[in-house]
Amino acid sequence: MKRAIVLLAATIFTLSGLSAGPRFSLSLAANLQWPADSGYKEVYGQSVFLPELKAGYSLTPSIYLWAGYGRVAAKGKTSVLELDSKSSQDYLQLGAGYEGVLSGKLGFKAELGLADILYREEALGEKVSGSAIGFVLSGSLTYALCQRFYLLADMGYLYAQKTINAVSVKMGGLRAGLGGGLRF
């Protein structure tokens, strides 16, 4: 009898979770980022390509937790000596979001989170690497292609600051991009 009650409760719990709709989401976006640091812009350009992968888990139909990863890699020349330099920044992000519906297939997302930025730079024969903690704030418009697939237009700001070799360096910056996602 006890097993039957536990089995019945587990079945009801499982079916209620399935009927609640998709709980997980996965998205991939191609972003253009405008770096926050003027020295970075001078060496690597006014904008850089930032691919970003995000995974989310819905706690309620509107509130969700998410984790993301993005990477910027750029090559440039130092301003005075015109020597080759290269830089990379890996963004590990974790946060919470709110998702709403504007009309039939059009929706929106608002996200806030923390970011751990892992940086590496090689310039003037010197290698520098480390990490900095910052924040990320973003908003997206979504368009549902069907129940499981959607397109998104995203805009956000990622920022961290750290003093490296007595120089204050800003990492991240304003970003905007397009992508797609899957709910399951």
C-alpha atoms as a PDB file:
ATOM      1  CA  MET A   1       0.000   0.000   0.000  1.00  0.00           C
ATOM      2  CA  LYS A   2       2.801   2.399   0.928  1.00  0.00           C
ATOM      3  CA  ARG A   3       4.574   1.685  -2.385  1.00  0.00           C
ATOM      4  CA  ALA A   4       1.375   2.330  -4.324  1.00  0.00           C
ATOM      5  CA  ILE A   5       0.931   5.751  -2.653  1.00  0.00           C
ATOM      6  CA  VAL A   6       4.548   6.709  -3.338  1.00  0.00           C
ATOM      7  CA  LEU A   7       4.257   5.512  -6.948  1.00  0.00           C
ATOM      8  CA  LEU A   8       1.003   7.427  -7.429  1.00  0.00           C
ATOM      9  CA  ALA A   9       2.508  10.606  -5.914  1.00  0.00           C
ATOM     10  CA  ALA A  10       5.619  10.293  -8.115  1.00  0.00           C
ATOM     11  CA  THR A  11       3.467   9.781 -11.222  1.00  0.00           C
ATOM     12  CA  ILE A  12       1.309  12.835 -10.445  1.00  0.00           C
ATOM     13  CA  PHE A  13       4.414  14.938  -9.733  1.00  0.00           C
ATOM     14  CA  THR A  14       6.055  13.833 -13.001  1.00  0.00           C
ATOM     15  CA  LEU A  15       2.933  14.423 -15.089  1.00  0.00           C
ATOM     16  CA  SER A  16       2.346  17.850 -13.529  1.00  0.00           C
ATOM     17  CA  GLY A  17       5.920  18.794 -14.421  1.00  0.00           C
ATOM     18  CA  LEU A  18       5.425  17.639 -18.017  1.00  0.00           C
ATOM     19  CA  SER A  19       2.119  19.463 -18.395  1.00  0.00           C
ATOM     20  CA  ALA A  20       3.637  22.706 -17.106  1.00  0.00           C
ATOM     21  CA  GLY A  21       5.480  23.079 -20.414  1.00  0.00           C
ATOM     22  CA  PRO A  22       9.164  23.311 -21.201  1.00  0.00           C
ATOM     23  CA  ARG A  23      11.398  23.966 -18.192  1.00  0.00           C
ATOM     24  CA  PHE A  24      14.801  24.192 -19.895  1.00  0.00           C
ATOM     25  CA  SER A  25      16.053  26.524 -22.596  1.00  0.00           C
ATOM     26  CA  LEU A  26      19.216  26.739 -24.638  1.00  0.00           C
ATOM     27  CA  SER A  27      20.151  29.695 -26.846  1.00  0.00           C
ATOM     28  CA  LEU A  28      23.021  30.734 -29.076  1.00  0.00           C
ATOM     29  CA  ALA A  29      23.582  34.350 -30.111  1.00  0.00           C
ATOM     30  CA  ALA A  30      26.064  36.189 -32.308  1.00  0.00           C
ATOM     31  CA  ASN A  31      26.821  39.557 -30.684  1.00  0.00           C
ATOM     32  CA  LEU A  32      28.814  42.633 -31.520  1.00  0.00           C
ATOM     33  CA  GLN A  33      30.465  44.126 -28.431  1.00  0.00           C
ATOM     34  CA  TRP A  34      31.703  47.696 -28.062  1.00  0.00           C
ATOM     35  CA  PRO A  35      34.495  47.471 -25.454  1.00  0.00           C
ATOM     36  CA  ALA A  36      34.232  49.596 -22.290  1.00  0.00           C
ATOM     37  CA  ASP A  37      37.976  50.333 -22.176  1.00  0.00           C
ATOM     38  CA  SER A  38      39.333  53.077 -24.456  1.00  0.00           C
ATOM     39  CA  GLY A  39      42.831  51.535 -24.470  1.00  0.00           C
ATOM     40  CA  TYR A  40      41.383  48.211 -25.619  1.00  0.00           C
ATOM     41  CA  LYS A  41      39.484  49.956 -28.429  1.00  0.00           C
ATOM     42  CA  GLU A  42      42.671  51.701 -29.541  1.00  0.00           C
ATOM     43  CA  VAL A  43      44.546  48.402 -29.982  1.00  0.00           C
ATOM     44  CA  TYR A  44      41.792  45.918 -30.956  1.00  0.00           C
ATOM     45  CA  GLY A  45      39.173  48.079 -32.665  1.00  0.00           C
ATOM     46  CA  GLN A  46      35.888  49.777 -31.854  1.00  0.00           C
ATOM     47  CA  SER A  47      33.938  46.504 -31.804  1.00  0.00           C
ATOM     48  CA  VAL A  48      34.601  42.771 -31.422  1.00  0.00           C
ATOM     49  CA  PHE A  49      32.637  39.591 -32.192  1.00  0.00           C
ATOM     50  CA  LEU A  50      31.132  37.851 -29.142  1.00  0.00           C
ATOM     51  CA  PRO A  51      29.429  34.455 -29.577  1.00  0.00           C
ATOM     52  CA  GLU A  52      27.362  33.531 -26.531  1.00  0.00           C
ATOM     53  CA  LEU A  53      25.716  30.325 -25.318  1.00  0.00           C
ATOM     54  CA  LYS A  54      23.079  30.373 -22.547  1.00  0.00           C
ATOM     55  CA  ALA A  55      21.160  27.691 -20.696  1.00  0.00           C
ATOM     56  CA  GLY A  56      18.149  28.378 -18.508  1.00  0.00           C
ATOM     57  CA  TYR A  57      15.829  26.628 -16.076  1.00  0.00           C
ATOM     58  CA  SER A  58      12.319  27.980 -15.415  1.00  0.00           C
ATOM     59  CA  LEU A  59      11.283  28.171 -11.779  1.00  0.00           C
ATOM     60  CA  THR A  60       7.850  29.549 -12.703  1.00  0.00           C
ATOM     61  CA  PRO A  61       6.304  30.460 -16.079  1.00  0.00           C
ATOM     62  CA  SER A  62       7.984  33.904 -15.788  1.00  0.00           C
ATOM     63  CA  ILE A  63      11.043  33.540 -13.512  1.00  0.00           C
ATOM     64  CA  TYR A  64      14.119  31.546 -14.526  1.00  0.00           C
ATOM     65  CA  LEU A  65      17.758  30.970 -13.617  1.00  0.00           C
ATOM     66  CA  TRP A  66      20.383  31.050 -16.340  1.00  0.00           C
ATOM     67  CA  ALA A  67      24.067  30.399 -16.958  1.00  0.00           C
ATOM     68  CA  GLY A  68      26.049  31.622 -19.927  1.00  0.00           C
ATOM     69  CA  TYR A  69      29.408  31.530 -21.632  1.00  0.00           C
ATOM     70  CA  GLY A  70      30.839  33.961 -24.158  1.00  0.00           C
ATOM     71  CA  ARG A  71      34.288  34.526 -25.634  1.00  0.00           C
ATOM     72  CA  VAL A  72      35.997  37.465 -27.270  1.00  0.00           C
ATOM     73  CA  ALA A  73      39.314  36.939 -29.067  1.00  0.00           C
ATOM     74  CA  ALA A  74      41.014  39.801 -30.883  1.00  0.00           C
ATOM     75  CA  LYS A  75      44.318  40.645 -32.554  1.00  0.00           C
ATOM     76  CA  GLY A  76      45.698  44.118 -33.004  1.00  0.00           C
ATOM     77  CA  LYS A  77      48.772  46.333 -33.048  1.00  0.00           C
ATOM     78  CA  THR A  78      50.081  48.430 -30.176  1.00  0.00           C
ATOM     79  CA  SER A  79      49.536  52.139 -30.754  1.00  0.00           C
ATOM     80  CA  VAL A  80      53.083  53.531 -30.724  1.00  0.00           C
ATOM     81  CA  LEU A  81      55.407  50.676 -31.728  1.00  0.00           C
ATOM     82  CA  GLU A  82      52.886  48.879 -33.997  1.00  0.00           C
ATOM     83  CA  LEU A  83      53.787  45.502 -32.487  1.00  0.00           C
ATOM     84  CA  ASP A  84      51.431  42.515 -32.721  1.00  0.00           C
ATOM     85  CA  SER A  85      49.190  41.911 -29.721  1.00  0.00           C
ATOM     86  CA  LYS A  86      46.390  39.503 -28.947  1.00  0.00           C
ATOM     87  CA  SER A  87      43.728  39.360 -26.296  1.00  0.00           C
ATOM     88  CA  SER A  88      40.995  37.010 -25.153  1.00  0.00           C
ATOM     89  CA  GLN A  89      38.238  37.343 -22.608  1.00  0.00           C
ATOM     90  CA  ASP A  90      36.045  34.438 -21.482  1.00  0.00           C
ATOM     91  CA  TYR A  91      32.764  35.385 -19.815  1.00  0.00           C
ATOM     92  CA  LEU A  92      31.248  32.945 -17.324  1.00  0.00           C
ATOM     93  CA  GLN A  93      27.840  34.273 -16.265  1.00  0.00           C
ATOM     94  CA  LEU A  94      25.159  33.270 -13.780  1.00  0.00           C
ATOM     95  CA  GLY A  95      21.915  35.045 -12.978  1.00  0.00           C
ATOM     96  CA  ALA A  96      18.144  35.260 -12.881  1.00  0.00           C
ATOM     97  CA  GLY A  97      15.661  36.491 -15.431  1.00  0.00           C
ATOM     98  CA  TYR A  98      12.065  37.433 -16.057  1.00  0.00           C
ATOM     99  CA  GLU A  99      10.232  36.351 -19.209  1.00  0.00           C
ATOM    100  CA  GLY A 100       6.952  37.835 -20.392  1.00  0.00           C
ATOM    101  CA  VAL A 101       4.624  37.898 -23.385  1.00  0.00           C
ATOM    102  CA  LEU A 102       3.957  41.088 -25.348  1.00  0.00           C
ATOM    103  CA  SER A 103       1.505  39.536 -27.830  1.00  0.00           C
ATOM    104  CA  GLY A 104       0.823  36.181 -29.503  1.00  0.00           C
ATOM    105  CA  LYS A 105       4.327  35.173 -30.592  1.00  0.00           C
ATOM    106  CA  LEU A 106       6.290  38.211 -29.380  1.00  0.00           C
ATOM    107  CA  GLY A 107       7.869  38.127 -25.934  1.00  0.00           C
ATOM    108  CA  PHE A 108      10.660  39.662 -23.892  1.00  0.00           C
ATOM    109  CA  LYS A 109      13.344  38.672 -21.396  1.00  0.00           C
ATOM    110  CA  ALA A 110      15.108  40.783 -18.766  1.00  0.00           C
ATOM    111  CA  GLU A 111      18.213  39.354 -17.084  1.00  0.00           C
ATOM    112  CA  LEU A 112      20.564  40.360 -14.285  1.00  0.00           C
ATOM    113  CA  GLY A 113      23.593  38.393 -13.166  1.00  0.00           C
ATOM    114  CA  LEU A 114      27.201  38.113 -12.112  1.00  0.00           C
ATOM    115  CA  ALA A 115      30.072  37.548 -14.503  1.00  0.00           C
ATOM    116  CA  ASP A 116      33.539  36.122 -13.972  1.00  0.00           C
ATOM    117  CA  ILE A 117      35.742  37.473 -16.749  1.00  0.00           C
ATOM    118  CA  LEU A 118      38.886  35.461 -17.441  1.00  0.00           C
ATOM    119  CA  TYR A 119      41.338  37.562 -19.444  1.00  0.00           C
ATOM    120  CA  ARG A 120      44.622  36.931 -21.257  1.00  0.00           C
ATOM    121  CA  GLU A 121      46.686  39.413 -23.212  1.00  0.00           C
ATOM    122  CA  GLU A 122      50.032  39.219 -24.998  1.00  0.00           C
ATOM    123  CA  ALA A 123      51.609  42.535 -25.979  1.00  0.00           C
ATOM    124  CA  LEU A 124      55.089  44.040 -26.014  1.00  0.00           C
ATOM    125  CA  GLY A 125      56.619  40.653 -25.180  1.00  0.00           C
ATOM    126  CA  GLU A 126      54.619  40.387 -21.949  1.00  0.00           C
ATOM    127  CA  LYS A 127      51.791  38.013 -21.027  1.00  0.00           C
ATOM    128  CA  VAL A 128      49.114  39.025 -18.531  1.00  0.00           C
ATOM    129  CA  SER A 129      46.227  36.863 -17.331  1.00  0.00           C
ATOM    130  CA  GLY A 130      43.752  36.704 -14.479  1.00  0.00           C
ATOM    131  CA  SER A 131      40.091  37.199 -13.693  1.00  0.00           C
ATOM    132  CA  ALA A 132      37.684  39.872 -12.518  1.00  0.00           C
ATOM    133  CA  ILE A 133      34.159  39.696 -11.118  1.00  0.00           C
ATOM    134  CA  GLY A 134      31.541  41.990 -12.619  1.00  0.00           C
ATOM    135  CA  PHE A 135      27.893  42.180 -13.563  1.00  0.00           C
ATOM    136  CA  VAL A 136      25.738  41.608 -16.620  1.00  0.00           C
ATOM    137  CA  LEU A 137      22.408  43.233 -17.469  1.00  0.00           C
ATOM    138  CA  SER A 138      20.489  42.371 -20.635  1.00  0.00           C
ATOM    139  CA  GLY A 139      17.138  42.510 -22.349  1.00  0.00           C
ATOM    140  CA  SER A 140      15.828  40.532 -25.307  1.00  0.00           C
ATOM    141  CA  LEU A 141      12.872  40.488 -27.634  1.00  0.00           C
ATOM    142  CA  THR A 142      11.833  36.967 -28.586  1.00  0.00           C
ATOM    143  CA  TYR A 143       9.733  35.674 -31.463  1.00  0.00           C
ATOM    144  CA  ALA A 144       8.252  32.177 -31.124  1.00  0.00           C
ATOM    145  CA  LEU A 145       8.576  30.136 -34.314  1.00  0.00           C
ATOM    146  CA  CYS A 146       6.646  27.333 -32.599  1.00  0.00           C
ATOM    147  CA  GLN A 147       6.273  26.052 -29.030  1.00  0.00           C
ATOM    148  CA  ARG A 148       9.902  24.882 -28.834  1.00  0.00           C
ATOM    149  CA  PHE A 149      11.914  27.204 -31.110  1.00  0.00           C
ATOM    150  CA  TYR A 150      12.369  30.980 -30.945  1.00  0.00           C
ATOM    151  CA  LEU A 151      14.441  33.808 -32.398  1.00  0.00           C
ATOM    152  CA  LEU A 152      15.874  36.597 -30.261  1.00  0.00           C
ATOM    153  CA  ALA A 153      17.276  40.106 -30.567  1.00  0.00           C
ATOM    154  CA  ASP A 154      19.435  40.851 -27.546  1.00  0.00           C
ATOM    155  CA  MET A 155      21.064  43.942 -26.048  1.00  0.00           C
ATOM    156  CA  GLY A 156      23.043  44.119 -22.823  1.00  0.00           C
ATOM    157  CA  TYR A 157      25.959  45.436 -20.840  1.00  0.00           C
ATOM    158  CA  LEU A 158      28.719  43.388 -19.233  1.00  0.00           C
ATOM    159  CA  TYR A 159      31.225  45.120 -16.982  1.00  0.00           C
ATOM    160  CA  ALA A 160      34.127  44.393 -14.658  1.00  0.00           C
ATOM    161  CA  GLN A 161      37.077  46.517 -13.616  1.00  0.00           C
ATOM    162  CA  LYS A 162      40.488  45.536 -12.291  1.00  0.00           C
ATOM    163  CA  THR A 163      43.840  47.196 -11.685  1.00  0.00           C
ATOM    164  CA  ILE A 164      46.535  45.380 -13.657  1.00  0.00           C
ATOM    165  CA  ASN A 165      50.159  46.542 -13.320  1.00  0.00           C
ATOM    166  CA  ALA A 166      48.971  49.847 -11.759  1.00  0.00           C
ATOM    167  CA  VAL A 167      46.553  50.509 -14.654  1.00  0.00           C
ATOM    168  CA  SER A 168      42.779  50.448 -14.190  1.00  0.00           C
ATOM    169  CA  VAL A 169      41.331  48.212 -16.916  1.00  0.00           C
ATOM    170  CA  LYS A 170      37.651  47.941 -17.848  1.00  0.00           C
ATOM    171  CA  MET A 171      36.437  44.649 -19.279  1.00  0.00           C
ATOM    172  CA  GLY A 172      33.242  43.888 -21.158  1.00  0.00           C
ATOM    173  CA  GLY A 173      31.066  46.604 -22.653  1.00  0.00           C
ATOM    174  CA  LEU A 174      27.827  47.199 -24.509  1.00  0.00           C
ATOM    175  CA  ARG A 175      26.696  44.341 -26.741  1.00  0.00           C
ATOM    176  CA  ALA A 176      23.897  43.656 -29.199  1.00  0.00           C
ATOM    177  CA  GLY A 177      23.131  40.575 -31.229  1.00  0.00           C
ATOM    178  CA  LEU A 178      20.778  38.110 -32.849  1.00  0.00           C
ATOM    179  CA  GLY A 179      20.259  34.451 -32.139  1.00  0.00           C
ATOM    180  CA  GLY A 180      17.947  31.534 -31.685  1.00  0.00           C
ATOM    181  CA  GLY A 181      16.861  29.210 -28.959  1.00  0.00           C
ATOM    182  CA  LEU A 182      15.182  25.973 -28.009  1.00  0.00           C
ATOM    183  CA  ARG A 183      12.824  25.209 -25.115  1.00  0.00           C
ATOM    184  CA  PHE A 184      12.517  21.628 -23.873  1.00  0.00           C
END
